[in-house]
Amino acid sequence: MALGEFGRALTGQALDSAKNSVLDAIKGEPAKKPAAPAALPAPAQESIGGIILAQIQAMQKSLKEDQELVVQFRSGEEMLRIVEIFVPSPQVFVLAGNDGQQRLTRIVAPAATVQLICKVLRITPGTTPVRLKIMTPAPRPPAAEPAQK
């Protein structure tokens, strides 16, 4: 009679569980907490650099044909007009632009510390608007396994 044995086993487990609960209450031990649900994976946080670049790209994308986005960076007394942002990693920006005397200048800075001034300006009719160039490194192909002899 497998069904009868199964019933007795369930009854025994239920009685043991009830007995342990009563004994724990008498002894003053805290009740056992149910198992904690599996931890949910934390949502991936986007880097500050990625957020800054996305905002700049969104501003540039919404421009009309007779507008340009002027991006500037101030370092002390010097104001640079940025024409290119190279992103070697999500935490580092290399800003390239022209200073007041039109000399090419580059700034290497942590993305978290970069403060850019962005202005939408109308261009003079007949001129081509300057578009900010954002460059990221090309993904490297996986290294090939050396040929076995």
Protein backbone atom coordinates (compact mmCIF):
# COMPACT_ATOMS: atom_id res chain seq x y z
CA MET A 1 0.00 0.00 0.00
CA ALA A 2 2.16 2.78 -1.29
CA LEU A 3 -0.62 5.36 -0.95
CA GLY A 4 -0.99 4.66 2.78
CA GLU A 5 2.76 4.97 3.36
CA PHE A 6 2.80 8.22 1.43
CA GLY A 7 -0.03 9.60 3.59
CA ARG A 8 1.75 8.61 6.80
CA ALA A 9 4.96 10.28 5.63
CA LEU A 10 3.13 13.55 4.86
CA THR A 11 1.32 13.42 8.19
CA GLY A 12 4.61 12.81 10.02
CA GLN A 13 6.26 15.78 8.30
CA ALA A 14 3.30 18.05 9.10
CA LEU A 15 3.37 16.99 12.77
CA ASP A 16 7.14 17.51 13.01
CA SER A 17 6.81 20.97 11.49
CA ALA A 18 3.98 21.93 13.86
CA LYS A 19 5.87 20.51 16.87
CA ASN A 20 9.03 22.48 15.97
CA SER A 21 7.01 25.70 15.56
CA VAL A 22 5.41 25.27 19.01
CA LEU A 23 8.73 24.42 20.66
CA ASP A 24 10.40 27.44 19.04
CA ALA A 25 7.60 29.70 20.30
CA ILE A 26 7.97 28.35 23.85
CA LYS A 27 11.76 28.66 23.83
CA GLY A 28 11.52 32.21 22.51
CA GLU A 29 13.62 31.54 19.43
CA PRO A 30 12.81 33.73 16.47
CA ALA A 31 10.76 32.12 13.78
CA LYS A 32 12.68 31.01 10.78
CA LYS A 33 12.40 33.47 7.95
CA PRO A 34 11.34 32.11 4.59
CA ALA A 35 14.11 31.83 2.06
CA ALA A 36 14.89 35.16 0.46
CA PRO A 37 13.83 35.41 -3.16
CA ALA A 38 16.63 35.23 -5.67
CA ALA A 39 18.32 38.59 -6.02
CA LEU A 40 17.31 40.41 -9.15
CA PRO A 41 20.21 41.51 -11.29
CA ALA A 42 20.94 45.19 -10.91
CA PRO A 43 19.99 47.21 -13.97
CA ALA A 44 23.01 48.03 -16.07
CA GLN A 45 24.00 51.60 -15.45
CA GLU A 46 25.00 53.55 -18.47
CA SER A 47 28.24 55.45 -18.16
CA ILE A 48 28.22 59.22 -17.82
CA GLY A 49 30.25 59.46 -21.01
CA GLY A 50 27.62 57.48 -22.91
CA ILE A 51 24.85 59.73 -21.63
CA ILE A 52 26.75 62.90 -22.62
CA LEU A 53 27.42 61.57 -26.12
CA ALA A 54 23.79 60.50 -26.55
CA GLN A 55 22.60 63.99 -25.61
CA ILE A 56 25.01 65.66 -28.05
CA GLN A 57 23.98 63.29 -30.84
CA ALA A 58 20.29 63.94 -30.13
CA MET A 59 20.85 67.72 -30.26
CA GLN A 60 22.78 67.43 -33.51
CA LYS A 61 20.22 65.09 -35.07
CA SER A 62 17.38 67.55 -34.48
CA LEU A 63 19.14 70.43 -36.29
CA LYS A 64 17.67 71.98 -39.42
CA GLU A 65 19.74 72.53 -42.57
CA ASP A 66 20.44 76.16 -41.67
CA GLN A 67 21.61 75.38 -38.12
CA GLU A 68 24.74 74.00 -36.50
CA LEU A 69 25.55 72.81 -33.02
CA VAL A 70 28.44 74.76 -31.54
CA VAL A 71 30.09 72.73 -28.76
CA GLN A 72 32.57 74.59 -26.57
CA PHE A 73 34.86 73.65 -23.73
CA ARG A 74 36.31 76.16 -21.28
CA SER A 75 39.65 75.53 -19.65
CA GLY A 76 40.65 78.41 -17.43
CA GLU A 77 40.61 81.54 -19.59
CA GLU A 78 40.67 79.61 -22.84
CA MET A 79 37.49 78.73 -24.75
CA LEU A 80 37.76 75.97 -27.36
CA ARG A 81 35.29 75.15 -30.10
CA ILE A 82 35.14 71.36 -30.21
CA VAL A 83 34.87 69.78 -33.66
CA GLU A 84 35.71 66.19 -32.76
CA ILE A 85 35.25 63.89 -29.78
CA PHE A 86 37.27 60.67 -29.72
CA VAL A 87 36.15 58.11 -27.14
CA PRO A 88 38.97 55.61 -26.50
CA SER A 89 36.97 54.19 -23.57
CA PRO A 90 33.62 55.03 -21.94
CA GLN A 91 35.47 56.83 -19.14
CA VAL A 92 37.79 59.01 -21.27
CA PHE A 93 37.12 61.69 -23.88
CA VAL A 94 39.69 63.26 -26.20
CA LEU A 95 38.25 66.61 -27.30
CA ALA A 96 39.76 68.22 -30.40
CA GLY A 97 39.03 71.75 -31.48
CA ASN A 98 40.32 75.22 -32.18
CA ASP A 99 41.32 77.84 -29.68
CA GLY A 100 40.88 81.60 -30.10
CA GLN A 101 43.83 81.82 -32.54
CA GLN A 102 42.50 78.86 -34.58
CA ARG A 103 45.23 76.50 -33.34
CA LEU A 104 44.34 72.81 -33.13
CA THR A 105 44.08 71.85 -29.47
CA ARG A 106 43.31 68.52 -27.82
CA ILE A 107 42.10 67.86 -24.29
CA VAL A 108 42.23 64.42 -22.69
CA ALA A 109 39.79 64.28 -19.78
CA PRO A 110 37.73 61.84 -17.73
CA ALA A 111 34.20 61.80 -19.15
CA ALA A 112 32.75 62.38 -15.67
CA THR A 113 34.49 65.76 -15.39
CA VAL A 114 33.78 67.14 -18.86
CA GLN A 115 31.43 70.13 -19.00
CA LEU A 116 30.49 71.17 -22.51
CA ILE A 117 28.63 74.27 -23.63
CA CYS A 118 26.24 73.50 -26.50
CA LYS A 119 24.57 76.20 -28.60
CA VAL A 120 22.36 75.91 -31.66
CA LEU A 121 23.23 78.72 -34.06
CA ARG A 122 21.96 79.71 -37.48
CA ILE A 123 24.56 79.65 -40.23
CA THR A 124 25.15 82.32 -42.84
CA PRO A 125 23.26 81.49 -46.05
CA GLY A 126 25.55 79.80 -48.58
CA THR A 127 27.87 78.24 -45.98
CA THR A 128 28.00 74.62 -44.91
CA PRO A 129 27.16 73.86 -41.28
CA VAL A 130 29.92 72.29 -39.19
CA ARG A 131 28.91 68.94 -37.71
CA LEU A 132 30.56 67.55 -34.60
CA LYS A 133 32.37 64.30 -35.31
CA ILE A 134 32.14 61.59 -32.64
CA MET A 135 34.56 58.70 -33.06
CA THR A 136 34.87 55.46 -31.15
CA PRO A 137 37.58 52.87 -31.65
CA ALA A 138 36.82 50.13 -34.17
CA PRO A 139 36.11 46.80 -32.48
CA ARG A 140 39.06 44.47 -32.69
CA PRO A 141 38.50 41.09 -34.31
CA PRO A 142 39.00 38.16 -31.95
CA ALA A 143 42.56 36.89 -31.91
CA ALA A 144 43.03 33.89 -34.14
CA GLU A 145 44.20 30.66 -32.57
CA PRO A 146 47.76 29.79 -33.59
CA ALA A 147 47.86 26.94 -36.06
CA GLN A 148 48.76 23.64 -34.47
CA LYS A 149 51.30 21.43 -36.19
